[in-house]
C-alpha cells in the first residue's frame, strides 16, 4: 500500500519528532496520524476498519 503522506519528515515509528527522511515512518496509531495531519485526517472512515471485514452473503 502506498503512503498517504507526502512532504517533510514528521516522526519516527515511536512518534518522536524527526527531520531525517530515513527515520520518518508511520507509527500506525491515531496519535501518529494527528501529528502528520494537524488540520484533520484526510479520510472519512475509521482507521483499521478494513481489518474487520464481514463475509458477504451470496
N, C-alpha and C. Protein backbone atom coordinates (compact mmCIF):
# COMPACT_ATOMS: atom_id res chain seq x y z
N UNK A 1 0.84 -1.18 0.00
CA UNK A 1 0.00 0.00 0.00
C UNK A 1 0.89 1.24 0.00
N UNK A 2 0.60 2.18 -0.84
CA UNK A 2 1.41 3.39 -0.96
C UNK A 2 1.14 4.33 0.20
N UNK A 3 2.16 5.07 0.63
CA UNK A 3 1.96 6.01 1.72
C UNK A 3 1.02 7.15 1.32
N UNK A 4 0.25 7.64 2.27
CA UNK A 4 -0.69 8.72 2.01
C UNK A 4 0.01 10.06 2.14
N UNK A 5 1.06 10.10 2.90
CA UNK A 5 1.78 11.34 3.20
C UNK A 5 2.79 11.69 2.11
N UNK A 6 2.88 12.94 1.86
CA UNK A 6 3.96 13.46 1.01
C UNK A 6 4.39 14.77 1.65
N UNK A 7 5.65 15.02 1.67
CA UNK A 7 6.12 16.26 2.27
C UNK A 7 7.28 16.02 3.21
N UNK A 8 7.46 16.95 4.12
CA UNK A 8 8.57 16.89 5.05
C UNK A 8 8.44 15.73 6.03
N UNK A 9 9.56 15.17 6.50
CA UNK A 9 9.50 14.13 7.53
C UNK A 9 8.90 14.69 8.82
N UNK A 10 8.14 13.86 9.51
CA UNK A 10 7.44 14.30 10.71
C UNK A 10 7.91 13.56 11.96
N UNK A 11 7.79 12.24 11.96
CA UNK A 11 8.08 11.47 13.17
C UNK A 11 8.52 10.06 12.82
N UNK A 12 9.18 9.41 13.79
CA UNK A 12 9.58 8.01 13.61
C UNK A 12 8.45 7.09 14.07
N UNK A 13 8.67 5.78 14.06
CA UNK A 13 7.62 4.83 14.43
C UNK A 13 7.18 4.94 15.88
N UNK A 14 7.99 5.60 16.71
CA UNK A 14 7.64 5.78 18.12
C UNK A 14 7.08 7.17 18.40
N UNK A 15 6.72 7.92 17.34
CA UNK A 15 6.15 9.27 17.42
C UNK A 15 7.12 10.30 17.97
N UNK A 16 8.41 10.04 17.84
CA UNK A 16 9.42 11.04 18.20
C UNK A 16 9.64 11.93 16.99
N UNK A 17 9.58 13.26 17.15
CA UNK A 17 9.79 14.15 16.00
C UNK A 17 11.15 13.92 15.35
N UNK A 18 11.17 13.99 14.02
CA UNK A 18 12.42 13.82 13.28
C UNK A 18 12.41 14.68 12.02
N UNK A 19 13.57 15.07 11.58
CA UNK A 19 13.73 15.78 10.31
C UNK A 19 14.48 14.91 9.32
N UNK A 20 14.81 13.69 9.73
CA UNK A 20 15.56 12.75 8.91
C UNK A 20 14.60 11.90 8.08
N UNK A 21 14.63 12.03 6.75
CA UNK A 21 13.72 11.23 5.91
C UNK A 21 13.90 9.72 6.07
N UNK A 22 15.09 9.25 6.43
CA UNK A 22 15.32 7.82 6.61
C UNK A 22 14.61 7.27 7.85
N UNK A 23 14.37 8.13 8.83
CA UNK A 23 13.71 7.69 10.07
C UNK A 23 12.21 7.97 10.07
N UNK A 24 11.72 8.73 9.10
CA UNK A 24 10.30 9.06 9.03
C UNK A 24 9.50 7.80 8.71
N UNK A 25 8.55 7.48 9.58
CA UNK A 25 7.72 6.29 9.39
C UNK A 25 6.41 6.44 10.13
N UNK A 26 5.41 5.73 9.67
CA UNK A 26 4.09 5.75 10.31
C UNK A 26 4.12 4.90 11.57
N UNK A 27 3.58 5.43 12.66
CA UNK A 27 3.50 4.69 13.91
C UNK A 27 2.26 3.82 14.00
N UNK A 28 1.35 3.93 13.01
CA UNK A 28 0.12 3.13 12.93
C UNK A 28 -0.77 3.31 14.17
N UNK A 29 -0.82 4.57 14.64
CA UNK A 29 -1.69 4.92 15.76
C UNK A 29 -2.40 6.23 15.41
N UNK A 30 -3.53 6.48 16.04
CA UNK A 30 -4.26 7.72 15.82
C UNK A 30 -3.36 8.91 16.15
N UNK A 31 -2.57 8.81 17.22
CA UNK A 31 -1.66 9.89 17.58
C UNK A 31 -0.69 10.19 16.43
N UNK A 32 -0.21 9.15 15.76
CA UNK A 32 0.70 9.32 14.64
C UNK A 32 0.03 10.09 13.51
N UNK A 33 -1.22 9.76 13.22
CA UNK A 33 -1.96 10.45 12.17
C UNK A 33 -2.16 11.92 12.53
N UNK A 34 -2.48 12.18 13.77
CA UNK A 34 -2.71 13.57 14.19
C UNK A 34 -1.44 14.41 14.09
N UNK A 35 -0.29 13.79 14.29
CA UNK A 35 0.97 14.52 14.14
C UNK A 35 1.18 14.91 12.68
N UNK A 36 0.82 14.02 11.76
CA UNK A 36 1.02 14.27 10.34
C UNK A 36 -0.05 15.17 9.74
N UNK A 37 -1.25 15.13 10.28
CA UNK A 37 -2.38 15.88 9.73
C UNK A 37 -3.05 16.70 10.82
N UNK A 38 -2.42 17.79 11.29
CA UNK A 38 -2.99 18.58 12.39
C UNK A 38 -4.33 19.24 12.06
N UNK A 39 -4.62 19.48 10.77
CA UNK A 39 -5.90 20.08 10.39
C UNK A 39 -7.01 19.05 10.24
N UNK A 40 -6.71 17.81 10.43
CA UNK A 40 -7.70 16.74 10.28
C UNK A 40 -7.19 15.66 9.35
N UNK A 41 -7.59 14.46 9.63
CA UNK A 41 -7.12 13.32 8.85
C UNK A 41 -7.82 13.29 7.49
N UNK A 42 -7.09 12.94 6.42
CA UNK A 42 -7.62 13.03 5.06
C UNK A 42 -8.46 11.82 4.63
N UNK A 43 -9.23 11.27 5.52
CA UNK A 43 -10.10 10.16 5.14
C UNK A 43 -11.35 10.21 6.00
N UNK A 44 -12.40 9.65 5.50
CA UNK A 44 -13.67 9.72 6.21
C UNK A 44 -14.16 8.37 6.71
N UNK A 45 -13.26 7.57 7.22
CA UNK A 45 -13.66 6.27 7.76
C UNK A 45 -12.83 5.99 9.01
N UNK A 46 -13.10 4.89 9.64
CA UNK A 46 -12.37 4.52 10.84
C UNK A 46 -11.08 3.82 10.46
N UNK A 47 -9.92 4.29 10.94
CA UNK A 47 -8.67 3.61 10.64
C UNK A 47 -8.70 2.16 11.13
N UNK A 48 -8.25 1.27 10.30
CA UNK A 48 -8.21 -0.14 10.67
C UNK A 48 -9.51 -0.88 10.43
N UNK A 49 -10.53 -0.21 9.91
CA UNK A 49 -11.82 -0.88 9.70
C UNK A 49 -11.71 -2.00 8.67
N UNK A 50 -10.77 -1.88 7.74
CA UNK A 50 -10.59 -2.92 6.73
C UNK A 50 -10.11 -4.23 7.31
N UNK A 51 -9.62 -4.22 8.54
CA UNK A 51 -9.15 -5.45 9.18
C UNK A 51 -10.31 -6.32 9.64
N UNK A 52 -11.50 -5.74 9.70
CA UNK A 52 -12.65 -6.44 10.25
C UNK A 52 -13.78 -6.54 9.24
N UNK A 53 -13.46 -6.94 8.05
CA UNK A 53 -14.50 -7.08 7.02
C UNK A 53 -15.35 -8.30 7.31
N UNK A 54 -16.64 -8.10 7.19
CA UNK A 54 -17.54 -9.25 7.39
C UNK A 54 -17.67 -10.00 6.06
N UNK A 55 -18.03 -11.25 6.17
CA UNK A 55 -18.21 -12.05 4.97
C UNK A 55 -19.52 -11.66 4.30
N UNK A 56 -19.47 -11.52 2.99
CA UNK A 56 -20.67 -11.17 2.28
C UNK A 56 -21.49 -12.41 2.00
N UNK A 57 -22.78 -12.26 2.08
CA UNK A 57 -23.67 -13.40 1.79
C UNK A 57 -23.98 -13.44 0.31
N UNK A 58 -24.12 -14.64 -0.25
CA UNK A 58 -24.42 -14.75 -1.71
C UNK A 58 -25.80 -14.26 -2.05
